[in-house]
N, C-alpha and C. Protein backbone atom coordinates (compact mmCIF):
# COMPACT_ATOMS: atom_id res chain seq x y z
N MET A 1 0.97 -34.58 5.95
CA MET A 1 0.39 -33.53 6.68
C MET A 1 -0.81 -33.96 7.40
N ASP A 2 -0.63 -33.67 9.07
CA ASP A 2 -1.47 -33.28 9.83
C ASP A 2 -2.83 -32.32 10.13
N THR A 3 -4.08 -32.88 10.25
CA THR A 3 -4.83 -31.90 10.29
C THR A 3 -5.46 -32.13 11.60
N THR A 4 -6.00 -30.76 11.75
CA THR A 4 -6.62 -30.39 13.33
C THR A 4 -8.20 -30.16 13.25
N VAL A 5 -9.04 -31.15 13.95
CA VAL A 5 -10.23 -31.68 14.16
C VAL A 5 -10.57 -30.93 15.05
N THR A 6 -11.80 -29.60 15.14
CA THR A 6 -12.14 -29.38 16.59
C THR A 6 -13.20 -30.11 17.23
N ILE A 7 -13.55 -30.26 18.10
CA ILE A 7 -14.61 -31.40 18.95
C ILE A 7 -15.25 -30.05 20.28
N ARG A 8 -16.64 -30.29 19.99
CA ARG A 8 -17.08 -29.44 21.48
C ARG A 8 -17.30 -30.48 22.16
N LEU A 9 -17.28 -30.45 23.73
CA LEU A 9 -17.24 -31.42 24.82
C LEU A 9 -17.55 -29.87 25.61
N ASP A 10 -18.29 -30.88 26.57
CA ASP A 10 -18.17 -30.25 28.18
C ASP A 10 -17.42 -30.27 29.01
N ASP A 11 -17.42 -29.87 29.93
CA ASP A 11 -16.55 -29.24 30.69
C ASP A 11 -15.71 -31.14 31.22
N ASP A 12 -17.19 -31.73 31.71
CA ASP A 12 -17.64 -32.76 32.45
C ASP A 12 -16.17 -34.12 31.47
N ASP A 13 -17.03 -34.09 30.10
CA ASP A 13 -16.01 -35.35 29.49
C ASP A 13 -15.23 -34.78 29.11
N LYS A 14 -14.40 -33.25 28.88
CA LYS A 14 -12.96 -33.04 28.49
C LYS A 14 -12.62 -33.68 29.57
N GLU A 15 -12.54 -33.71 30.57
CA GLU A 15 -11.93 -33.49 32.28
C GLU A 15 -12.07 -35.11 32.10
N LEU A 16 -12.70 -36.00 32.09
CA LEU A 16 -13.25 -37.24 32.07
C LEU A 16 -11.96 -38.11 30.80
N ILE A 17 -11.55 -37.49 29.96
CA ILE A 17 -11.14 -37.70 29.12
C ILE A 17 -9.55 -37.21 29.24
N ALA A 18 -9.16 -36.22 29.63
CA ALA A 18 -7.99 -35.70 29.85
C ALA A 18 -7.83 -36.94 31.22
N ARG A 19 -8.48 -37.10 32.36
CA ARG A 19 -7.88 -38.04 33.09
C ARG A 19 -7.52 -39.10 32.91
N TYR A 20 -8.62 -39.59 31.90
CA TYR A 20 -7.87 -41.36 30.92
C TYR A 20 -7.13 -41.10 30.01
N ALA A 21 -6.69 -40.01 29.26
CA ALA A 21 -5.27 -39.99 28.71
C ALA A 21 -4.14 -40.11 29.73
N ARG A 22 -4.33 -39.05 30.46
CA ARG A 22 -2.97 -39.65 31.89
C ARG A 22 -2.50 -40.48 32.04
N SER A 23 -3.97 -41.26 33.08
CA SER A 23 -3.80 -42.72 33.33
C SER A 23 -3.06 -43.20 32.97
N LYS A 24 -3.20 -43.18 30.96
CA LYS A 24 -2.94 -44.33 30.03
C LYS A 24 -1.40 -43.61 29.45
N GLY A 25 -1.08 -42.55 30.07
CA GLY A 25 0.18 -42.18 29.05
C GLY A 25 0.28 -41.70 27.89
N ARG A 26 -1.03 -41.08 27.66
CA ARG A 26 -1.53 -40.78 26.30
C ARG A 26 -1.74 -39.49 26.26
N SER A 27 -1.72 -39.15 25.26
CA SER A 27 -1.95 -37.51 24.79
C SER A 27 -4.16 -37.73 24.35
N ILE A 28 -4.50 -36.45 24.61
CA ILE A 28 -6.07 -36.49 24.65
C ILE A 28 -6.31 -36.56 22.98
N SER A 29 -5.11 -36.30 22.02
CA SER A 29 -5.49 -36.52 20.77
C SER A 29 -5.38 -37.99 20.09
N ASP A 30 -4.35 -38.37 20.67
CA ASP A 30 -4.15 -40.61 20.99
C ASP A 30 -5.70 -40.75 20.84
N ILE A 31 -6.00 -40.39 22.12
CA ILE A 31 -7.49 -41.19 22.79
C ILE A 31 -8.45 -41.11 21.54
N VAL A 32 -7.85 -40.07 21.75
CA VAL A 32 -9.71 -39.46 20.66
C VAL A 32 -9.97 -40.12 19.18
N ARG A 33 -8.41 -39.97 18.69
CA ARG A 33 -8.52 -40.85 17.65
C ARG A 33 -8.61 -42.06 17.44
N GLU A 34 -7.96 -42.74 18.65
CA GLU A 34 -7.85 -44.61 18.66
C GLU A 34 -9.46 -44.19 18.58
N ALA A 35 -9.84 -43.42 19.67
CA ALA A 35 -11.64 -44.22 19.84
C ALA A 35 -12.52 -43.80 18.36
N ILE A 36 -12.10 -42.91 17.57
CA ILE A 36 -12.76 -43.07 16.57
C ILE A 36 -12.78 -43.56 15.29
N LEU A 37 -11.47 -44.04 14.91
CA LEU A 37 -11.11 -45.48 14.32
C LEU A 37 -11.41 -46.42 14.69
N GLY A 38 -11.60 -46.89 15.89
CA GLY A 38 -12.13 -48.16 16.66
C GLY A 38 -13.84 -48.31 16.29
N GLN A 39 -14.27 -46.81 16.51
CA GLN A 39 -15.61 -46.98 16.31
C GLN A 39 -15.73 -47.26 15.03
N ILE A 40 -15.13 -46.53 13.87
CA ILE A 40 -15.36 -47.05 12.58
C ILE A 40 -14.53 -48.38 11.90
N GLU A 41 -14.15 -48.94 12.65
CA GLU A 41 -13.58 -50.26 12.22
C GLU A 41 -14.51 -51.31 13.34
N ASP A 42 -15.29 -51.27 13.93
CA ASP A 42 -16.16 -52.00 14.92
C ASP A 42 -17.46 -52.02 13.74
N GLU A 43 -17.92 -50.50 13.42
CA GLU A 43 -19.12 -50.99 12.66
C GLU A 43 -18.42 -51.32 10.55
N TYR A 44 -17.68 -51.36 10.48
CA TYR A 44 -17.16 -52.18 9.02
C TYR A 44 -17.48 -53.29 9.67
N ASP A 45 -16.78 -53.88 10.62
CA ASP A 45 -16.16 -55.35 10.92
C ASP A 45 -17.95 -56.31 11.03
N LEU A 46 -19.08 -55.41 11.51
CA LEU A 46 -20.66 -55.62 11.79
C LEU A 46 -20.81 -55.83 10.42
N GLU A 47 -20.80 -54.92 9.76
CA GLU A 47 -21.07 -55.05 7.91
C GLU A 47 -20.68 -56.32 7.30
N LEU A 48 -19.40 -56.39 7.48
CA LEU A 48 -18.91 -57.65 7.23
C LEU A 48 -19.45 -58.61 7.64
N TYR A 49 -19.82 -58.66 8.73
CA TYR A 49 -20.23 -59.75 9.33
C TYR A 49 -22.14 -60.37 9.25
N ARG A 50 -22.41 -59.16 8.75
CA ARG A 50 -23.92 -59.21 8.43
C ARG A 50 -24.03 -60.20 7.16
N GLU A 51 -23.12 -59.09 6.21
CA GLU A 51 -23.22 -59.68 4.65
C GLU A 51 -22.56 -61.26 4.78
N ALA A 52 -22.03 -61.87 5.74
CA ALA A 52 -21.25 -63.68 5.52
C ALA A 52 -22.62 -64.23 5.85
N ILE A 53 -22.87 -63.63 7.37
CA ILE A 53 -24.27 -64.02 7.57
C ILE A 53 -25.49 -64.41 6.71
N GLU A 54 -25.45 -63.53 6.41
CA GLU A 54 -26.60 -63.74 4.77
C GLU A 54 -26.03 -64.76 3.61
N GLU A 55 -24.93 -64.00 3.00
CA GLU A 55 -24.22 -65.17 2.38
C GLU A 55 -24.41 -66.86 3.16
N TYR A 56 -24.05 -67.04 4.09
CA TYR A 56 -24.09 -68.27 4.52
C TYR A 56 -25.37 -68.96 4.58
N ARG A 57 -26.90 -67.71 4.93
CA ARG A 57 -27.88 -68.56 5.04
C ARG A 57 -28.40 -68.79 3.49
N LYS A 58 -27.95 -68.17 2.74
CA LYS A 58 -28.30 -68.43 0.97
C LYS A 58 -27.71 -69.71 0.55
N ASN A 59 -26.35 -69.84 0.86
CA ASN A 59 -25.54 -71.23 0.66
C ASN A 59 -25.27 -71.98 2.40
N PRO A 60 -25.79 -72.55 2.75
CA PRO A 60 -25.20 -72.97 3.79
C PRO A 60 -24.13 -73.78 4.60
N LEU A 61 -22.92 -73.90 3.57
CA LEU A 61 -21.87 -74.86 3.36
C LEU A 61 -21.07 -74.33 4.61
N SER A 62 -20.41 -75.14 5.26
CA SER A 62 -19.29 -75.01 6.15
C SER A 62 -18.70 -76.12 6.14
N TYR A 63 -17.00 -75.77 6.73
CA TYR A 63 -16.21 -77.01 6.91
C TYR A 63 -15.91 -77.28 7.79
N SER A 64 -15.07 -78.39 8.60
CA SER A 64 -14.67 -78.27 9.89
C SER A 64 -13.58 -77.95 9.68
N LEU A 65 -12.68 -77.99 10.41
CA LEU A 65 -10.53 -77.66 11.07
C LEU A 65 -10.17 -78.54 10.04
N GLU A 66 -10.76 -80.43 10.37
CA GLU A 66 -10.00 -81.10 9.50
C GLU A 66 -10.08 -81.33 8.39
N GLU A 67 -11.41 -80.63 7.81
CA GLU A 67 -11.47 -80.33 6.26
C GLU A 67 -10.94 -79.54 5.98
N VAL A 68 -10.98 -78.20 6.37
CA VAL A 68 -9.96 -76.80 5.88
C VAL A 68 -8.65 -77.57 6.24
N ALA A 69 -7.69 -78.29 7.20
CA ALA A 69 -6.60 -79.18 7.15
C ALA A 69 -6.15 -79.77 5.72
N LYS A 70 -6.90 -80.48 6.12
CA LYS A 70 -6.71 -81.79 4.11
C LYS A 70 -6.63 -80.68 3.19
N LEU A 71 -7.97 -79.97 2.77
CA LEU A 71 -7.79 -78.93 1.88
C LEU A 71 -6.57 -77.92 1.32
N LEU A 72 -6.03 -77.67 2.39
CA LEU A 72 -5.00 -76.88 2.31
C LEU A 72 -3.75 -77.84 2.02
N GLU A 73 -3.40 -78.66 2.84
CA GLU A 73 -2.69 -80.05 2.30
C GLU A 73 -2.75 -80.43 1.08
N ASN A 74 -3.60 -80.40 0.08
CA ASN A 74 -3.75 -80.83 -1.03
C ASN A 74 -3.52 -79.67 -1.87
N GLU A 75 -3.51 -78.61 -1.09
CA GLU A 75 -2.96 -77.53 -2.41
C GLU A 75 -1.60 -77.04 -1.99
N GLU A 76 -0.85 -77.72 -0.97
CA GLU A 76 0.60 -77.99 -0.98
C GLU A 76 1.29 -78.72 -1.80
C-alpha cells in the first residue's frame, strides 16, 4: 500500500523541482523519492566505507588483483 508524505517547500523550490521533473519526463514524487533514497544509500555506503577503513587500519592486509584471481582459481 502506498503512503502519502507531505513536505513543505517554498514556491521557488517547488518550481525548481517541478521543472526538473518535467525535463526528465518524471513525476515530482519519483524525483523526490529517488533523491531521498539516494541520500540514505550514500550515507549508508559512507558508513560502510568508514568501517572498512577502520578495519584495514587495524589489520592492513590487502591482495593484488592477480592474488585474488589465484585464490579464486584454487577454490574451483
